[in-house]
């Protein structure tokens, strides 16, 4: 019984690699990463920003975020490089090339 459990753990990495290869083969990797980023926005930016985010989408590797609060919008604009660094640290370089606050 213990052998089965350890065998399953060993299979986890190859399955993840196979999934990544499938995404690359069908050219879906970028879109998958973009969806993950949109879902992770509240976790990345915290509740203050998440509560004031009224829309978020990605087009042509640009992240567009609609913010309902003027002060939060200004803060994000001033800290654009920090936001980009945060995204790159979590999702890797190249998922997003620009960040636009609306």
PDB file of N, CA and C in Angstrom:
ATOM      1  N   UNK A   1       0.812  -1.187   0.000  1.00  0.00           N
ATOM      2  CA  UNK A   1       0.000   0.000   0.000  1.00  0.00           C
ATOM      3  C   UNK A   1       0.865   1.264   0.000  1.00  0.00           C
ATOM      4  N   UNK A   2       1.945   1.261   0.742  1.00  0.00           N
ATOM      5  CA  UNK A   2       2.838   2.412   0.770  1.00  0.00           C
ATOM      6  C   UNK A   2       3.466   2.647  -0.601  1.00  0.00           C
ATOM      7  N   UNK A   3       3.734   1.567  -1.337  1.00  0.00           N
ATOM      8  CA  UNK A   3       4.343   1.706  -2.655  1.00  0.00           C
ATOM      9  C   UNK A   3       3.440   2.482  -3.610  1.00  0.00           C
ATOM     10  N   UNK A   4       2.140   2.245  -3.515  1.00  0.00           N
ATOM     11  CA  UNK A   4       1.214   2.955  -4.391  1.00  0.00           C
ATOM     12  C   UNK A   4       1.253   4.452  -4.138  1.00  0.00           C
ATOM     13  N   UNK A   5       1.224   4.836  -2.884  1.00  0.00           N
ATOM     14  CA  UNK A   5       1.238   6.256  -2.557  1.00  0.00           C
ATOM     15  C   UNK A   5       2.507   6.924  -3.059  1.00  0.00           C
ATOM     16  N   UNK A   6       3.646   6.293  -2.845  1.00  0.00           N
ATOM     17  CA  UNK A   6       4.892   6.900  -3.304  1.00  0.00           C
ATOM     18  C   UNK A   6       4.936   6.927  -4.830  1.00  0.00           C
ATOM     19  N   UNK A   7       4.344   5.939  -5.474  1.00  0.00           N
ATOM     20  CA  UNK A   7       4.285   5.917  -6.930  1.00  0.00           C
ATOM     21  C   UNK A   7       3.459   7.071  -7.472  1.00  0.00           C
ATOM     22  N   UNK A   8       2.380   7.371  -6.796  1.00  0.00           N
ATOM     23  CA  UNK A   8       1.534   8.491  -7.223  1.00  0.00           C
ATOM     24  C   UNK A   8       2.266   9.817  -7.088  1.00  0.00           C
ATOM     25  N   UNK A   9       3.026   9.966  -6.047  1.00  0.00           N
ATOM     26  CA  UNK A   9       3.773  11.207  -5.872  1.00  0.00           C
ATOM     27  C   UNK A   9       4.802  11.366  -6.989  1.00  0.00           C
ATOM     28  N   UNK A  10       5.395  10.274  -7.397  1.00  0.00           N
ATOM     29  CA  UNK A  10       6.386  10.348  -8.475  1.00  0.00           C
ATOM     30  C   UNK A  10       5.726  10.709  -9.800  1.00  0.00           C
ATOM     31  N   UNK A  11       4.453  10.318  -9.962  1.00  0.00           N
ATOM     32  CA  UNK A  11       3.748  10.603 -11.209  1.00  0.00           C
ATOM     33  C   UNK A  11       3.324  12.066 -11.315  1.00  0.00           C
ATOM     34  N   UNK A  12       3.241  12.761 -10.217  1.00  0.00           N
ATOM     35  CA  UNK A  12       2.748  14.141 -10.233  1.00  0.00           C
ATOM     36  C   UNK A  12       3.607  15.041 -11.116  1.00  0.00           C
ATOM     37  N   UNK A  13       4.896  14.985 -10.979  1.00  0.00           N
ATOM     38  CA  UNK A  13       5.772  15.838 -11.784  1.00  0.00           C
ATOM     39  C   UNK A  13       5.662  15.514 -13.276  1.00  0.00           C
ATOM     40  N   UNK A  14       5.728  14.241 -13.688  1.00  0.00           N
ATOM     41  CA  UNK A  14       5.584  13.955 -15.122  1.00  0.00           C
ATOM     42  C   UNK A  14       4.221  14.385 -15.679  1.00  0.00           C
ATOM     43  N   UNK A  15       3.150  14.276 -14.892  1.00  0.00           N
ATOM     44  CA  UNK A  15       1.840  14.716 -15.365  1.00  0.00           C
ATOM     45  C   UNK A  15       1.816  16.224 -15.560  1.00  0.00           C
ATOM     46  N   UNK A  16       2.439  16.944 -14.649  1.00  0.00           N
ATOM     47  CA  UNK A  16       2.498  18.394 -14.790  1.00  0.00           C
ATOM     48  C   UNK A  16       3.305  18.771 -16.028  1.00  0.00           C
ATOM     49  N   UNK A  17       4.415  18.079 -16.237  1.00  0.00           N
ATOM     50  CA  UNK A  17       5.236  18.330 -17.420  1.00  0.00           C
ATOM     51  C   UNK A  17       4.458  18.013 -18.692  1.00  0.00           C
ATOM     52  N   UNK A  18       3.698  16.919 -18.678  1.00  0.00           N
ATOM     53  CA  UNK A  18       2.898  16.541 -19.842  1.00  0.00           C
ATOM     54  C   UNK A  18       1.838  17.606 -20.128  1.00  0.00           C
ATOM     55  N   UNK A  19       1.226  18.125 -19.077  1.00  0.00           N
ATOM     56  CA  UNK A  19       0.226  19.174 -19.224  1.00  0.00           C
ATOM     57  C   UNK A  19       0.850  20.427 -19.829  1.00  0.00           C
ATOM     58  N   UNK A  20       2.024  20.804 -19.333  1.00  0.00           N
ATOM     59  CA  UNK A  20       2.735  21.974 -19.867  1.00  0.00           C
ATOM     60  C   UNK A  20       3.067  21.764 -21.346  1.00  0.00           C
ATOM     61  N   UNK A  21       3.511  20.568 -21.705  1.00  0.00           N
ATOM     62  CA  UNK A  21       3.837  20.264 -23.104  1.00  0.00           C
ATOM     63  C   UNK A  21       2.595  20.345 -23.989  1.00  0.00           C
ATOM     64  N   UNK A  22       1.453  19.866 -23.477  1.00  0.00           N
ATOM     65  CA  UNK A  22       0.202  19.955 -24.226  1.00  0.00           C
ATOM     66  C   UNK A  22      -0.183  21.407 -24.470  1.00  0.00           C
ATOM     67  N   UNK A  23      -0.074  22.226 -23.433  1.00  0.00           N
ATOM     68  CA  UNK A  23      -0.392  23.647 -23.585  1.00  0.00           C
ATOM     69  C   UNK A  23       0.502  24.300 -24.636  1.00  0.00           C
ATOM     70  N   UNK A  24       1.782  23.957 -24.612  1.00  0.00           N
ATOM     71  CA  UNK A  24       2.709  24.515 -25.599  1.00  0.00           C
ATOM     72  C   UNK A  24       2.384  24.011 -26.999  1.00  0.00           C
ATOM     73  N   UNK A  25       2.100  22.722 -27.123  1.00  0.00           N
ATOM     74  CA  UNK A  25       1.833  22.121 -28.425  1.00  0.00           C
ATOM     75  C   UNK A  25       0.613  22.752 -29.090  1.00  0.00           C
ATOM     76  N   UNK A  26      -0.407  23.048 -28.304  1.00  0.00           N
ATOM     77  CA  UNK A  26      -1.621  23.646 -28.855  1.00  0.00           C
ATOM     78  C   UNK A  26      -1.624  25.174 -28.763  1.00  0.00           C
ATOM     79  N   UNK A  27      -0.481  25.731 -28.420  1.00  0.00           N
ATOM     80  CA  UNK A  27      -0.301  27.183 -28.315  1.00  0.00           C
ATOM     81  C   UNK A  27      -1.315  27.827 -27.372  1.00  0.00           C
ATOM     82  N   UNK A  28      -1.550  27.165 -26.256  1.00  0.00           N
ATOM     83  CA  UNK A  28      -2.494  27.662 -25.263  1.00  0.00           C
ATOM     84  C   UNK A  28      -1.806  28.142 -23.987  1.00  0.00           C
ATOM     85  N   UNK A  29      -0.501  27.982 -23.917  1.00  0.00           N
ATOM     86  CA  UNK A  29       0.243  28.307 -22.693  1.00  0.00           C
ATOM     87  C   UNK A  29       0.041  29.761 -22.278  1.00  0.00           C
ATOM     88  N   UNK A  30       0.171  30.688 -23.217  1.00  0.00           N
ATOM     89  CA  UNK A  30       0.021  32.099 -22.892  1.00  0.00           C
ATOM     90  C   UNK A  30      -1.380  32.404 -22.369  1.00  0.00           C
ATOM     91  N   UNK A  31      -2.394  31.871 -23.029  1.00  0.00           N
ATOM     92  CA  UNK A  31      -3.775  32.130 -22.600  1.00  0.00           C
ATOM     93  C   UNK A  31      -4.052  31.509 -21.246  1.00  0.00           C
ATOM     94  N   UNK A  32      -3.490  30.337 -20.996  1.00  0.00           N
ATOM     95  CA  UNK A  32      -3.652  29.680 -19.697  1.00  0.00           C
ATOM     96  C   UNK A  32      -3.016  30.530 -18.606  1.00  0.00           C
ATOM     97  N   UNK A  33      -1.793  30.992 -18.838  1.00  0.00           N
ATOM     98  CA  UNK A  33      -1.102  31.846 -17.864  1.00  0.00           C
ATOM     99  C   UNK A  33      -1.866  33.158 -17.628  1.00  0.00           C
ATOM    100  N   UNK A  34      -2.444  33.717 -18.681  1.00  0.00           N
ATOM    101  CA  UNK A  34      -3.212  34.947 -18.543  1.00  0.00           C
ATOM    102  C   UNK A  34      -4.431  34.728 -17.652  1.00  0.00           C
ATOM    103  N   UNK A  35      -5.114  33.613 -17.830  1.00  0.00           N
ATOM    104  CA  UNK A  35      -6.289  33.294 -17.005  1.00  0.00           C
ATOM    105  C   UNK A  35      -5.877  33.108 -15.545  1.00  0.00           C
ATOM    106  N   UNK A  36      -4.760  32.441 -15.335  1.00  0.00           N
ATOM    107  CA  UNK A  36      -4.271  32.267 -13.965  1.00  0.00           C
ATOM    108  C   UNK A  36      -3.969  33.612 -13.320  1.00  0.00           C
ATOM    109  N   UNK A  37      -3.380  34.518 -14.083  1.00  0.00           N
ATOM    110  CA  UNK A  37      -3.058  35.853 -13.569  1.00  0.00           C
ATOM    111  C   UNK A  37      -4.322  36.607 -13.173  1.00  0.00           C
ATOM    112  N   UNK A  38      -5.327  36.577 -14.014  1.00  0.00           N
ATOM    113  CA  UNK A  38      -6.583  37.271 -13.717  1.00  0.00           C
ATOM    114  C   UNK A  38      -7.214  36.694 -12.446  1.00  0.00           C
ATOM    115  N   UNK A  39      -7.196  35.385 -12.311  1.00  0.00           N
ATOM    116  CA  UNK A  39      -7.756  34.756 -11.114  1.00  0.00           C
ATOM    117  C   UNK A  39      -6.951  35.101  -9.867  1.00  0.00           C
ATOM    118  N   UNK A  40      -5.650  35.299 -10.019  1.00  0.00           N
ATOM    119  CA  UNK A  40      -4.777  35.556  -8.877  1.00  0.00           C
ATOM    120  C   UNK A  40      -4.697  37.037  -8.511  1.00  0.00           C
ATOM    121  N   UNK A  41      -5.339  37.913  -9.275  1.00  0.00           N
ATOM    122  CA  UNK A  41      -5.252  39.355  -9.032  1.00  0.00           C
ATOM    123  C   UNK A  41      -5.552  39.734  -7.570  1.00  0.00           C
ATOM    124  N   UNK A  42      -6.663  39.266  -6.979  1.00  0.00           N
ATOM    125  CA  UNK A  42      -6.938  39.638  -5.581  1.00  0.00           C
ATOM    126  C   UNK A  42      -5.835  39.185  -4.619  1.00  0.00           C
ATOM    127  N   UNK A  43      -5.316  37.998  -4.823  1.00  0.00           N
ATOM    128  CA  UNK A  43      -4.246  37.475  -3.971  1.00  0.00           C
ATOM    129  C   UNK A  43      -2.954  38.279  -4.165  1.00  0.00           C
ATOM    130  N   UNK A  44      -2.655  38.627  -5.401  1.00  0.00           N
ATOM    131  CA  UNK A  44      -1.437  39.385  -5.709  1.00  0.00           C
ATOM    132  C   UNK A  44      -1.466  40.789  -5.124  1.00  0.00           C
ATOM    133  N   UNK A  45      -2.591  41.468  -5.278  1.00  0.00           N
ATOM    134  CA  UNK A  45      -2.663  42.887  -4.953  1.00  0.00           C
ATOM    135  C   UNK A  45      -3.266  43.188  -3.587  1.00  0.00           C
ATOM    136  N   UNK A  46      -3.905  42.215  -2.979  1.00  0.00           N
ATOM    137  CA  UNK A  46      -4.519  42.433  -1.673  1.00  0.00           C
ATOM    138  C   UNK A  46      -5.965  42.887  -1.800  1.00  0.00           C
ATOM    139  N   UNK A  47      -6.656  42.859  -0.674  1.00  0.00           N
ATOM    140  CA  UNK A  47      -8.091  43.146  -0.663  1.00  0.00           C
ATOM    141  C   UNK A  47      -8.424  44.604  -0.997  1.00  0.00           C
ATOM    142  N   UNK A  48      -7.581  45.536  -0.580  1.00  0.00           N
ATOM    143  CA  UNK A  48      -7.856  46.952  -0.843  1.00  0.00           C
ATOM    144  C   UNK A  48      -7.977  47.202  -2.341  1.00  0.00           C
ATOM    145  N   UNK A  49      -7.020  46.715  -3.106  1.00  0.00           N
ATOM    146  CA  UNK A  49      -7.042  46.905  -4.562  1.00  0.00           C
ATOM    147  C   UNK A  49      -8.118  46.025  -5.184  1.00  0.00           C
ATOM    148  N   UNK A  50      -8.236  44.781  -4.735  1.00  0.00           N
ATOM    149  CA  UNK A  50      -9.204  43.844  -5.309  1.00  0.00           C
ATOM    150  C   UNK A  50     -10.637  44.364  -5.180  1.00  0.00           C
ATOM    151  N   UNK A  51     -10.980  44.961  -4.031  1.00  0.00           N
ATOM    152  CA  UNK A  51     -12.334  45.475  -3.823  1.00  0.00           C
ATOM    153  C   UNK A  51     -12.640  46.653  -4.739  1.00  0.00           C
ATOM    154  N   UNK A  52     -11.604  47.356  -5.162  1.00  0.00           N
ATOM    155  CA  UNK A  52     -11.795  48.531  -6.013  1.00  0.00           C
ATOM    156  C   UNK A  52     -11.526  48.233  -7.488  1.00  0.00           C
ATOM    157  N   UNK A  53     -11.294  46.966  -7.798  1.00  0.00           N
ATOM    158  CA  UNK A  53     -11.096  46.553  -9.189  1.00  0.00           C
ATOM    159  C   UNK A  53     -12.453  46.195  -9.774  1.00  0.00           C
ATOM    160  N   UNK A  54     -12.896  46.966 -10.769  1.00  0.00           N
ATOM    161  CA  UNK A  54     -14.215  46.705 -11.357  1.00  0.00           C
ATOM    162  C   UNK A  54     -14.116  45.947 -12.680  1.00  0.00           C
ATOM    163  N   UNK A  55     -12.917  45.794 -13.199  1.00  0.00           N
ATOM    164  CA  UNK A  55     -12.730  45.032 -14.427  1.00  0.00           C
ATOM    165  C   UNK A  55     -11.262  44.743 -14.649  1.00  0.00           C
ATOM    166  N   UNK A  56     -11.001  43.584 -15.239  1.00  0.00           N
ATOM    167  CA  UNK A  56      -9.613  43.211 -15.529  1.00  0.00           C
ATOM    168  C   UNK A  56      -9.606  42.299 -16.751  1.00  0.00           C
ATOM    169  N   UNK A  57      -8.722  42.614 -17.699  1.00  0.00           N
ATOM    170  CA  UNK A  57      -8.576  41.754 -18.878  1.00  0.00           C
ATOM    171  C   UNK A  57      -7.185  41.935 -19.463  1.00  0.00           C
ATOM    172  N   UNK A  58      -6.817  41.011 -20.334  1.00  0.00           N
ATOM    173  CA  UNK A  58      -5.511  41.042 -20.977  1.00  0.00           C
ATOM    174  C   UNK A  58      -5.718  41.014 -22.485  1.00  0.00           C
ATOM    175  N   UNK A  59      -5.018  41.909 -23.169  1.00  0.00           N
ATOM    176  CA  UNK A  59      -5.061  41.935 -24.631  1.00  0.00           C
ATOM    177  C   UNK A  59      -3.672  42.263 -25.140  1.00  0.00           C
ATOM    178  N   UNK A  60      -3.167  41.462 -26.042  1.00  0.00           N
ATOM    179  CA  UNK A  60      -1.842  41.656 -26.640  1.00  0.00           C
ATOM    180  C   UNK A  60      -0.751  41.823 -25.580  1.00  0.00           C
ATOM    181  N   UNK A  61      -0.797  40.964 -24.584  1.00  0.00           N
ATOM    182  CA  UNK A  61       0.191  40.941 -23.491  1.00  0.00           C
ATOM    183  C   UNK A  61       0.180  42.211 -22.645  1.00  0.00           C
ATOM    184  N   UNK A  62      -0.934  42.952 -22.696  1.00  0.00           N
ATOM    185  CA  UNK A  62      -1.124  44.129 -21.855  1.00  0.00           C
ATOM    186  C   UNK A  62      -2.229  43.818 -20.848  1.00  0.00           C
ATOM    187  N   UNK A  63      -1.937  44.074 -19.594  1.00  0.00           N
ATOM    188  CA  UNK A  63      -2.921  43.883 -18.531  1.00  0.00           C
ATOM    189  C   UNK A  63      -3.665  45.195 -18.329  1.00  0.00           C
ATOM    190  N   UNK A  64      -4.977  45.167 -18.532  1.00  0.00           N
ATOM    191  CA  UNK A  64      -5.828  46.327 -18.331  1.00  0.00           C
ATOM    192  C   UNK A  64      -6.635  46.121 -17.062  1.00  0.00           C
ATOM    193  N   UNK A  65      -6.545  47.074 -16.140  1.00  0.00           N
ATOM    194  CA  UNK A  65      -7.250  46.968 -14.874  1.00  0.00           C
ATOM    195  C   UNK A  65      -8.077  48.234 -14.674  1.00  0.00           C
ATOM    196  N   UNK A  66      -9.385  48.061 -14.507  1.00  0.00           N
ATOM    197  CA  UNK A  66     -10.260  49.203 -14.266  1.00  0.00           C
ATOM    198  C   UNK A  66     -10.445  49.340 -12.760  1.00  0.00           C
ATOM    199  N   UNK A  67     -10.060  50.491 -12.240  1.00  0.00           N
ATOM    200  CA  UNK A  67     -10.102  50.754 -10.802  1.00  0.00           C
ATOM    201  C   UNK A  67     -11.157  51.832 -10.524  1.00  0.00           C
ATOM    202  N   UNK A  68     -11.978  51.612  -9.504  1.00  0.00           N
ATOM    203  CA  UNK A  68     -13.073  52.531  -9.200  1.00  0.00           C
ATOM    204  C   UNK A  68     -12.683  53.632  -8.217  1.00  0.00           C
ATOM    205  N   UNK A  69     -11.465  53.608  -7.720  1.00  0.00           N
ATOM    206  CA  UNK A  69     -11.021  54.596  -6.732  1.00  0.00           C
ATOM    207  C   UNK A  69      -9.849  55.406  -7.290  1.00  0.00           C
ATOM    208  N   UNK A  70      -9.991  56.724  -7.278  1.00  0.00           N
ATOM    209  CA  UNK A  70      -8.929  57.603  -7.772  1.00  0.00           C
ATOM    210  C   UNK A  70      -7.605  57.424  -7.041  1.00  0.00           C
ATOM    211  N   UNK A  71      -7.601  57.432  -5.702  1.00  0.00           N
ATOM    212  CA  UNK A  71      -6.335  57.264  -4.978  1.00  0.00           C
ATOM    213  C   UNK A  71      -5.654  55.920  -5.259  1.00  0.00           C
ATOM    214  N   UNK A  72      -6.444  54.843  -5.352  1.00  0.00           N
ATOM    215  CA  UNK A  72      -5.861  53.525  -5.650  1.00  0.00           C
ATOM    216  C   UNK A  72      -5.310  53.515  -7.069  1.00  0.00           C
ATOM    217  N   UNK A  73      -6.020  54.146  -7.981  1.00  0.00           N
ATOM    218  CA  UNK A  73      -5.563  54.251  -9.371  1.00  0.00           C
ATOM    219  C   UNK A  73      -4.218  54.975  -9.437  1.00  0.00           C
ATOM    220  N   UNK A  74      -4.107  56.087  -8.727  1.00  0.00           N
ATOM    221  CA  UNK A  74      -2.849  56.847  -8.700  1.00  0.00           C
ATOM    222  C   UNK A  74      -1.726  56.025  -8.094  1.00  0.00           C
ATOM    223  N   UNK A  75      -2.023  55.324  -7.013  1.00  0.00           N
ATOM    224  CA  UNK A  75      -1.016  54.489  -6.343  1.00  0.00           C
ATOM    225  C   UNK A  75      -0.499  53.402  -7.284  1.00  0.00           C
ATOM    226  N   UNK A  76      -1.398  52.765  -8.020  1.00  0.00           N
ATOM    227  CA  UNK A  76      -0.983  51.721  -8.972  1.00  0.00           C
ATOM    228  C   UNK A  76      -0.144  52.314 -10.103  1.00  0.00           C
ATOM    229  N   UNK A  77      -0.546  53.472 -10.592  1.00  0.00           N
ATOM    230  CA  UNK A  77       0.231  54.118 -11.656  1.00  0.00           C
ATOM    231  C   UNK A  77       1.634  54.475 -11.192  1.00  0.00           C
ATOM    232  N   UNK A  78       1.751  54.960  -9.963  1.00  0.00           N
ATOM    233  CA  UNK A  78       3.066  55.331  -9.440  1.00  0.00           C
ATOM    234  C   UNK A  78       3.946  54.112  -9.161  1.00  0.00           C
ATOM    235  N   UNK A  79       3.313  52.981  -8.879  1.00  0.00           N
ATOM    236  CA  UNK A  79       4.050  51.759  -8.547  1.00  0.00           C
ATOM    237  C   UNK A  79       3.977  50.718  -9.668  1.00  0.00           C
ATOM    238  N   UNK A  80       3.881  51.190 -10.887  1.00  0.00           N
ATOM    239  CA  UNK A  80       3.759  50.312 -12.060  1.00  0.00           C
ATOM    240  C   UNK A  80       4.885  49.262 -12.126  1.00  0.00           C
ATOM    241  N   UNK A  81       6.117  49.690 -11.885  1.00  0.00           N
ATOM    242  CA  UNK A  81       7.244  48.746 -11.975  1.00  0.00           C
ATOM    243  C   UNK A  81       7.164  47.687 -10.870  1.00  0.00           C
ATOM    244  N   UNK A  82       6.666  48.061  -9.697  1.00  0.00           N
ATOM    245  CA  UNK A  82       6.508  47.090  -8.603  1.00  0.00           C
ATOM    246  C   UNK A  82       5.437  46.054  -8.949  1.00  0.00           C
ATOM    247  N   UNK A  83       4.353  46.526  -9.556  1.00  0.00           N
ATOM    248  CA  UNK A  83       3.278  45.610  -9.963  1.00  0.00           C
ATOM    249  C   UNK A  83       3.803  44.636 -11.010  1.00  0.00           C
ATOM    250  N   UNK A  84       4.539  45.143 -11.993  1.00  0.00           N
ATOM    251  CA  UNK A  84       5.117  44.286 -13.033  1.00  0.00           C
ATOM    252  C   UNK A  84       6.082  43.269 -12.425  1.00  0.00           C
ATOM    253  N   UNK A  85       6.903  43.707 -11.473  1.00  0.00           N
ATOM    254  CA  UNK A  85       7.857  42.805 -10.812  1.00  0.00           C
ATOM    255  C   UNK A  85       7.121  41.729 -10.035  1.00  0.00           C
ATOM    256  N   UNK A  86       6.033  42.095  -9.390  1.00  0.00           N
ATOM    257  CA  UNK A  86       5.235  41.135  -8.629  1.00  0.00           C
ATOM    258  C   UNK A  86       4.639  40.074  -9.556  1.00  0.00           C
ATOM    259  N   UNK A  87       4.117  40.508 -10.683  1.00  0.00           N
ATOM    260  CA  UNK A  87       3.543  39.586 -11.667  1.00  0.00           C
ATOM    261  C   UNK A  87       4.625  38.665 -12.225  1.00  0.00           C
ATOM    262  N   UNK A  88       5.790  39.229 -12.563  1.00  0.00           N
ATOM    263  CA  UNK A  88       6.883  38.422 -13.102  1.00  0.00           C
ATOM    264  C   UNK A  88       7.404  37.420 -12.089  1.00  0.00           C
ATOM    265  N   UNK A  89       7.438  37.795 -10.819  1.00  0.00           N
ATOM    266  CA  UNK A  89       7.938  36.863  -9.809  1.00  0.00           C
ATOM    267  C   UNK A  89       6.997  35.676  -9.635  1.00  0.00           C
ATOM    268  N   UNK A  90       5.706  35.902  -9.829  1.00  0.00           N
ATOM    269  CA  UNK A  90       4.729  34.823  -9.649  1.00  0.00           C
ATOM    270  C   UNK A  90       4.506  34.011 -10.928  1.00  0.00           C
ATOM    271  N   UNK A  91       4.507  34.674 -12.087  1.00  0.00           N
ATOM    272  CA  UNK A  91       4.140  34.012 -13.341  1.00  0.00           C
ATOM    273  C   UNK A  91       5.262  33.924 -14.364  1.00  0.00           C
ATOM    274  N   UNK A  92       6.380  34.543 -14.085  1.00  0.00           N
ATOM    275  CA  UNK A  92       7.493  34.498 -15.017  1.00  0.00           C
ATOM    276  C   UNK A  92       7.468  35.678 -15.973  1.00  0.00           C
ATOM    277  N   UNK A  93       8.588  35.868 -16.606  1.00  0.00           N
ATOM    278  CA  UNK A  93       8.750  36.991 -17.529  1.00  0.00           C
ATOM    279  C   UNK A  93       8.022  36.687 -18.838  1.00  0.00           C
ATOM    280  N   UNK A  94       7.408  37.700 -19.417  1.00  0.00           N
ATOM    281  CA  UNK A  94       6.801  37.537 -20.730  1.00  0.00           C
ATOM    282  C   UNK A  94       5.311  37.281 -20.736  1.00  0.00           C
ATOM    283  N   UNK A  95       4.714  36.967 -19.592  1.00  0.00           N
ATOM    284  CA  UNK A  95       3.268  36.758 -19.577  1.00  0.00           C
ATOM    285  C   UNK A  95       2.572  38.091 -19.846  1.00  0.00           C
ATOM    286  N   UNK A  96       3.066  39.146 -19.191  1.00  0.00           N
ATOM    287  CA  UNK A  96       2.554  40.499 -19.373  1.00  0.00           C
ATOM    288  C   UNK A  96       3.722  41.411 -19.711  1.00  0.00           C
ATOM    289  N   UNK A  97       3.556  42.243 -20.731  1.00  0.00           N
ATOM    290  CA  UNK A  97       4.617  43.166 -21.115  1.00  0.00           C
ATOM    291  C   UNK A  97       4.314  44.606 -20.708  1.00  0.00           C
ATOM    292  N   UNK A  98       3.027  44.894 -20.441  1.00  0.00           N
ATOM    293  CA  UNK A  98       2.654  46.242 -20.044  1.00  0.00           C
ATOM    294  C   UNK A  98       1.454  46.174 -19.111  1.00  0.00           C
ATOM    295  N   UNK A  99       1.263  47.240 -18.353  1.00  0.00           N
ATOM    296  CA  UNK A  99       0.215  47.306 -17.347  1.00  0.00           C
ATOM    297  C   UNK A  99      -0.477  48.653 -17.490  1.00  0.00           C
ATOM    298  N   UNK A 100      -1.793  48.630 -17.709  1.00  0.00           N
ATOM    299  CA  UNK A 100      -2.556  49.858 -17.934  1.00  0.00           C
ATOM    300  C   UNK A 100      -3.672  49.946 -16.896  1.00  0.00           C
ATOM    301  N   UNK A 101      -3.719  51.078 -16.208  1.00  0.00           N
ATOM    302  CA  UNK A 101      -4.776  51.320 -15.225  1.00  0.00           C
ATOM    303  C   UNK A 101      -5.830  52.211 -15.867  1.00  0.00           C
ATOM    304  N   UNK A 102      -7.053  51.758 -15.833  1.00  0.00           N
ATOM    305  CA  UNK A 102      -8.173  52.510 -16.441  1.00  0.00           C
ATOM    306  C   UNK A 102      -9.045  53.125 -15.353  1.00  0.00           C
TER     307      UNK A 102
END
